[in-house]
Amino acid sequence: MTLDSGNITQMLSELTGGNRAVVDAIMPVVYNQMHQMAERQLRRERADHTLNATALIHEAYVKLVGQEKVNWQNRAHFMSVAAMAMRRILINYAKSRMAEKRGGGNALATFNEEFHTRQAKAEELIDLDEALSNLAVFSQRQARVVELSFFGGLTHEEIAEVLKVSVPTVHRDWRLAKAWLSAQLNEDEEPR
C-alpha cells in the first residue's frame, strides 16, 4: 500500500472510532516514514546507543496505536505525535543512562546548527528537553517547531503542514526558538 493521505486519514478515523483491526493495516503504510524519522534522530545519538531505529519505531508505534482518547485527524497529525513519542522515548533513555553514570560531569550545550546535526550526549538531550519545556511556556508553537525538526526530523514544509501555518512562519519560529534555546543553554554554563 502506498503512503496516501486519504488512506491514512480513513484508517486513522477508523482507529479513533475503536476499530482495533485497522492497527495492523496502518503500520505498513507509515513504517517507511517513521523509519526515516527514527534514523534521522538516531544519527544524532551516540554511536553505541542501545536503541536502534526499528526498536524506536516499535516503541513509538505501540504508544501511538494504544492511545484510546486521541482523535486522529490525518497523516500529518499522526507523524507529529510520532515525533513527540520518539522524543519522550529518547529522553527517557538518556535519563536512564545518566542515572547509571552518576558522578559523570555534565556536558553543557549550546543550541545551534552544529548541535542539531552532530551526535548528542545524553546530558545534552536532557538539557535540551528541559529548555524546550521552558520555551513551551512562552511559545508552544516555537517549541513544537524545534521538536518536530530536531526530534522528528521533519522539514520546514512538513512542519508548516502539521502546524497549519506558512513556511515563512516556521522559518521565523525556528530562528527565534534557536536564539532563545541558545541563550537558555548558555545561561546554564555560567557558574552560580
Protein backbone atom coordinates (compact mmCIF):
# COMPACT_ATOMS: atom_id res chain seq x y z
CA MET A 1 0.00 0.00 0.00
CA THR A 2 1.32 3.44 -0.84
CA LEU A 3 1.55 6.37 1.55
CA ASP A 4 -1.66 8.10 0.55
CA SER A 5 -3.01 10.79 2.86
CA GLY A 6 -6.61 9.81 2.12
CA ASN A 7 -5.99 6.16 3.01
CA ILE A 8 -4.21 7.06 6.22
CA THR A 9 -6.82 9.61 7.24
CA GLN A 10 -9.55 6.99 6.71
CA MET A 11 -7.60 4.36 8.66
CA LEU A 12 -6.89 6.79 11.49
CA SER A 13 -10.55 7.77 11.71
CA GLU A 14 -11.45 4.05 11.94
CA LEU A 15 -8.84 3.65 14.68
CA THR A 16 -10.31 6.65 16.51
CA GLY A 17 -13.73 5.01 16.14
CA GLY A 18 -12.48 1.97 18.02
CA ASN A 19 -11.75 -0.37 15.09
CA ARG A 20 -8.67 -2.14 16.52
CA ALA A 21 -8.36 -4.32 13.38
CA VAL A 22 -7.01 -1.31 11.49
CA VAL A 23 -3.86 -1.24 13.70
CA ASP A 24 -2.18 -3.93 11.57
CA ALA A 25 -3.14 -2.14 8.36
CA ILE A 26 -1.66 1.24 9.37
CA MET A 27 1.87 0.05 10.17
CA PRO A 28 2.92 -0.88 6.61
CA VAL A 29 1.61 2.48 5.37
CA VAL A 30 3.50 4.67 7.86
CA TYR A 31 6.50 2.41 8.54
CA ASN A 32 8.90 3.91 5.96
CA GLN A 33 8.24 7.48 7.03
CA MET A 34 8.57 6.58 10.71
CA HIS A 35 11.78 4.67 9.94
CA GLN A 36 13.27 7.72 8.17
CA MET A 37 12.28 9.88 11.14
CA ALA A 38 13.89 7.45 13.60
CA GLU A 39 17.09 7.14 11.54
CA ARG A 40 17.46 10.94 11.36
CA GLN A 41 17.07 11.18 15.10
CA LEU A 42 19.39 8.30 15.92
CA ARG A 43 22.15 9.76 13.71
CA ARG A 44 22.48 12.44 16.38
CA GLU A 45 22.73 9.88 19.17
CA ARG A 46 25.96 8.33 20.42
CA ALA A 47 27.36 5.56 18.22
CA ASP A 48 26.88 2.84 20.84
CA HIS A 49 23.23 3.70 21.53
CA THR A 50 21.38 0.54 22.56
CA LEU A 51 18.21 1.63 20.79
CA ASN A 52 18.13 1.20 17.01
CA ALA A 53 15.71 2.75 14.52
CA THR A 54 13.48 -0.34 14.37
CA ALA A 55 13.20 -0.55 18.16
CA LEU A 56 12.47 3.19 18.39
CA ILE A 57 9.73 2.88 15.76
CA HIS A 58 8.16 -0.08 17.50
CA GLU A 59 8.16 1.60 20.91
CA ALA A 60 6.67 4.78 19.44
CA TYR A 61 4.13 2.85 17.36
CA VAL A 62 2.91 0.85 20.36
CA LYS A 63 2.40 4.11 22.25
CA LEU A 64 0.59 5.70 19.31
CA VAL A 65 -1.89 2.98 18.43
CA GLY A 66 -2.52 2.19 22.09
CA GLN A 67 -3.98 5.66 22.61
CA GLU A 68 -7.68 5.39 23.35
CA LYS A 69 -8.57 9.08 23.51
CA VAL A 70 -6.72 10.51 20.52
CA ASN A 71 -8.87 11.90 17.74
CA TRP A 72 -6.52 11.21 14.82
CA GLN A 73 -7.01 13.91 12.21
CA ASN A 74 -4.67 12.94 9.35
CA ARG A 75 -1.22 11.63 8.45
CA ALA A 76 0.48 14.88 9.47
CA HIS A 77 -1.15 14.72 12.90
CA PHE A 78 -0.06 11.08 13.30
CA MET A 79 3.54 11.88 12.31
CA SER A 80 3.58 14.88 14.65
CA VAL A 81 2.50 12.72 17.57
CA ALA A 82 5.05 10.09 16.47
CA ALA A 83 7.79 12.74 16.73
CA MET A 84 6.66 13.58 20.26
CA ALA A 85 6.60 9.89 21.22
CA MET A 86 10.13 9.40 19.86
CA ARG A 87 11.29 12.45 21.81
CA ARG A 88 9.86 11.04 25.05
CA ILE A 89 11.44 7.62 24.41
CA LEU A 90 14.88 9.09 23.66
CA ILE A 91 14.73 11.43 26.66
CA ASN A 92 13.74 8.54 28.93
CA TYR A 93 16.67 6.50 27.59
CA ALA A 94 19.01 9.46 28.16
CA LYS A 95 17.76 9.92 31.72
CA SER A 96 18.18 6.21 32.36
CA ARG A 97 21.73 6.35 31.03
CA MET A 98 22.53 9.36 33.22
CA ALA A 99 21.16 7.56 36.27
CA GLU A 100 23.58 4.71 35.52
CA LYS A 101 26.54 7.11 35.14
CA ARG A 102 26.09 9.05 38.41
CA GLY A 103 29.09 11.21 39.08
CA GLY A 104 29.92 11.97 35.43
CA GLY A 105 30.47 15.61 34.55
CA ASN A 106 27.59 17.23 32.73
CA ALA A 107 28.48 18.49 29.30
CA LEU A 108 26.95 21.86 28.58
CA ALA A 109 25.29 22.54 25.27
CA THR A 110 24.53 25.46 23.02
CA PHE A 111 21.63 25.02 20.64
CA ASN A 112 22.94 25.72 17.16
CA GLU A 113 23.11 24.05 13.77
CA GLU A 114 26.16 22.04 14.80
CA PHE A 115 24.25 20.61 17.80
CA HIS A 116 21.31 19.89 15.51
CA THR A 117 23.36 17.68 13.17
CA ARG A 118 26.03 16.04 15.33
CA GLN A 119 25.72 13.24 17.84
CA ALA A 120 24.22 14.49 21.08
CA LYS A 121 25.20 13.29 24.53
CA ALA A 122 22.56 12.10 26.97
CA GLU A 123 23.18 15.15 29.16
CA GLU A 124 22.66 17.48 26.21
CA LEU A 125 19.36 15.84 25.28
CA ILE A 126 18.11 16.18 28.83
CA ASP A 127 19.19 19.85 28.95
CA LEU A 128 17.52 20.47 25.58
CA ASP A 129 14.34 18.73 26.71
CA GLU A 130 14.18 20.90 29.83
CA ALA A 131 14.86 24.08 27.81
CA LEU A 132 12.17 23.07 25.30
CA SER A 133 9.68 22.61 28.12
CA ASN A 134 10.56 26.10 29.36
CA LEU A 135 10.20 27.53 25.85
CA ALA A 136 6.75 25.94 25.54
CA VAL A 137 5.58 28.09 28.46
CA PHE A 138 6.29 31.20 26.35
CA SER A 139 5.67 29.86 22.86
CA GLN A 140 4.11 26.46 22.38
CA ARG A 141 4.41 26.75 18.59
CA GLN A 142 8.14 27.56 18.65
CA ALA A 143 8.74 24.60 20.94
CA ARG A 144 6.77 22.36 18.56
CA VAL A 145 8.81 23.63 15.59
CA VAL A 146 12.04 22.62 17.34
CA GLU A 147 10.59 19.32 18.49
CA LEU A 148 9.34 18.39 15.03
CA SER A 149 12.60 19.42 13.40
CA PHE A 150 15.08 18.10 15.96
CA PHE A 151 13.30 15.03 17.28
CA GLY A 152 11.05 14.29 14.31
CA GLY A 153 13.42 15.25 11.51
CA LEU A 154 10.61 16.99 9.63
CA THR A 155 11.41 19.65 7.06
CA HIS A 156 10.09 23.19 7.47
CA GLU A 157 7.50 22.44 4.80
CA GLU A 158 6.29 19.35 6.69
CA ILE A 159 6.23 21.30 9.94
CA ALA A 160 4.12 24.01 8.29
CA GLU A 161 1.65 21.32 7.20
CA VAL A 162 1.47 19.80 10.70
CA LEU A 163 1.07 23.15 12.46
CA LYS A 164 -1.18 24.61 9.76
CA VAL A 165 0.97 27.73 9.35
CA SER A 166 3.01 29.14 6.49
CA VAL A 167 6.59 28.07 5.76
CA PRO A 168 7.88 31.62 6.47
CA THR A 169 6.21 31.41 9.90
CA VAL A 170 8.06 28.15 10.56
CA HIS A 171 11.36 29.75 9.48
CA ARG A 172 10.72 32.71 11.82
CA ASP A 173 9.73 30.45 14.73
CA TRP A 174 12.83 28.30 14.11
CA ARG A 175 15.15 31.34 14.23
CA LEU A 176 13.52 32.76 17.38
CA ALA A 177 13.45 29.37 19.12
CA LYS A 178 17.12 28.72 18.30
CA ALA A 179 18.11 32.09 19.77
CA TRP A 180 16.00 31.54 22.87
CA LEU A 181 17.30 27.98 23.41
CA SER A 182 20.89 29.04 22.87
CA ALA A 183 20.52 31.80 25.47
CA GLN A 184 18.91 29.34 27.92
CA LEU A 185 21.56 26.68 27.44
CA ASN A 186 24.39 29.25 27.64
CA GLU A 187 22.90 30.63 30.85
CA ASP A 188 23.34 27.18 32.40
CA GLU A 189 27.07 27.30 31.58
CA GLU A 190 27.71 30.33 33.80
CA PRO A 191 28.91 29.49 37.31
CA ARG A 192 26.38 30.17 40.04
